[in-house]
Amino acid sequence: MESANVLLKPLLTEKTTILKDEAQQVAFLVHTRANKLEIKQAVEKAFDVKVEAVNVVRRAPSSRERQGRVVGRKPGWKKAYVTLRQGDKIEFFEGV
C-alpha cells in the first residue's frame, strides 16, 4: 500500500492531546487494510520522526437501527496510536 494512502487524518480529541503531552503518543485514523509496519513507515516518512511502537484499534462495521428496524450500516474504522522516540514530536498547529 502507498504510504500516502495509509494515514487518513490525525485524531485531535482530549484524550489524544493528553497522550501527546504525557506519553509521546500521537493518534491517526488509518486505512482499514494498513498494518503496523506500513503505519510506522508512513509516519516516519511524512513527519521525519522515529517511531518506537504502533498500537492499533479496530472497530467493526455496525447496523444503524431506527425504531427497531435496520436502515443502513455504519462503516468500521481503524486508528493507530503511534509512540514517538524521546525528543521527537509532531506539531499539527504550528504558529497558530
Protein backbone atom coordinates (compact mmCIF):
# COMPACT_ATOMS: atom_id res chain seq x y z
CA MET A 1 0.00 0.00 0.00
CA GLU A 2 1.27 3.52 -0.80
CA SER A 3 2.40 5.47 2.25
CA ALA A 4 0.32 8.48 1.14
CA ASN A 5 -2.87 6.42 1.42
CA VAL A 6 -2.15 4.92 4.84
CA LEU A 7 -2.67 7.97 7.07
CA LEU A 8 -6.14 9.44 6.58
CA LYS A 9 -6.15 12.16 9.26
CA PRO A 10 -4.85 12.90 12.75
CA LEU A 11 -7.24 12.44 15.65
CA LEU A 12 -7.47 15.55 17.82
CA THR A 13 -9.50 14.84 20.94
CA GLU A 14 -8.99 15.49 24.64
CA LYS A 15 -7.62 12.00 25.15
CA THR A 16 -5.14 12.22 22.28
CA THR A 17 -3.99 15.69 23.37
CA ILE A 18 -3.22 14.38 26.86
CA LEU A 19 -1.40 11.35 25.39
CA LYS A 20 0.61 13.65 23.14
CA ASP A 21 1.77 15.74 26.10
CA GLU A 22 2.38 12.96 28.63
CA ALA A 23 3.26 9.77 26.76
CA GLN A 24 4.79 10.95 23.45
CA GLN A 25 1.91 9.31 21.54
CA VAL A 26 0.01 10.62 18.52
CA ALA A 27 -3.23 9.14 17.17
CA PHE A 28 -4.18 8.80 13.50
CA LEU A 29 -7.19 7.49 11.64
CA VAL A 30 -5.65 5.00 9.20
CA HIS A 31 -6.73 2.89 6.24
CA THR A 32 -8.52 -0.28 7.36
CA ARG A 33 -6.11 -2.56 5.47
CA ALA A 34 -2.90 -0.90 6.70
CA ASN A 35 -0.71 -2.94 9.03
CA LYS A 36 1.63 -1.73 11.79
CA LEU A 37 4.74 -1.74 9.62
CA GLU A 38 3.08 0.35 6.90
CA ILE A 39 1.77 2.82 9.50
CA LYS A 40 5.25 3.15 11.04
CA GLN A 41 6.87 3.79 7.66
CA ALA A 42 4.20 6.32 6.65
CA VAL A 43 4.56 8.35 9.86
CA GLU A 44 8.37 8.34 9.68
CA LYS A 45 8.28 9.45 6.05
CA ALA A 46 5.59 12.11 6.45
CA PHE A 47 6.80 13.78 9.66
CA ASP A 48 10.56 12.94 9.73
CA VAL A 49 10.44 11.36 13.21
CA LYS A 50 11.41 7.96 14.65
CA VAL A 51 8.60 5.65 15.75
CA GLU A 52 9.15 3.25 18.65
CA ALA A 53 5.79 1.45 18.69
CA VAL A 54 2.42 1.31 16.95
CA ASN A 55 -0.78 0.15 18.64
CA VAL A 56 -3.87 -0.41 16.51
CA VAL A 57 -7.55 -0.25 17.49
CA ARG A 58 -10.25 -1.55 15.14
CA ARG A 59 -13.99 -1.02 15.18
CA ALA A 60 -16.16 -3.34 13.14
CA PRO A 61 -19.00 -2.03 10.96
CA SER A 62 -22.38 -1.99 12.67
CA SER A 63 -26.03 -1.65 11.74
CA ARG A 64 -27.99 1.59 12.00
CA GLU A 65 -31.32 0.98 13.60
CA ARG A 66 -34.33 3.22 13.73
CA GLN A 67 -37.36 2.09 15.72
CA GLY A 68 -36.01 -1.44 15.83
CA ARG A 69 -35.51 -1.77 12.08
CA VAL A 70 -32.16 -1.89 10.31
CA VAL A 71 -31.95 1.07 7.92
CA GLY A 72 -28.27 1.05 6.96
CA ARG A 73 -24.69 0.40 8.01
CA LYS A 74 -22.15 2.44 9.95
CA PRO A 75 -18.69 1.99 8.47
CA GLY A 76 -15.91 0.48 10.54
CA TRP A 77 -12.67 2.34 11.20
CA LYS A 78 -9.14 1.76 12.36
CA LYS A 79 -6.97 4.07 14.41
CA ALA A 80 -3.35 3.87 15.37
CA TYR A 81 -1.59 5.16 18.47
CA VAL A 82 1.99 5.90 17.45
CA THR A 83 4.65 6.18 20.18
CA LEU A 84 7.49 8.50 19.21
CA ARG A 85 11.13 8.38 20.26
CA GLN A 86 12.08 10.58 23.22
CA GLY A 87 12.74 14.11 21.96
CA ASP A 88 10.69 13.77 18.75
CA LYS A 89 7.30 15.44 18.42
CA ILE A 90 4.69 16.19 15.81
CA GLU A 91 3.04 19.62 15.81
CA PHE A 92 -0.26 19.82 13.92
CA PHE A 93 -0.90 23.52 14.63
CA GLU A 94 2.44 25.29 14.28
CA GLY A 95 2.30 29.04 14.75
CA VAL A 96 -1.45 29.27 15.41
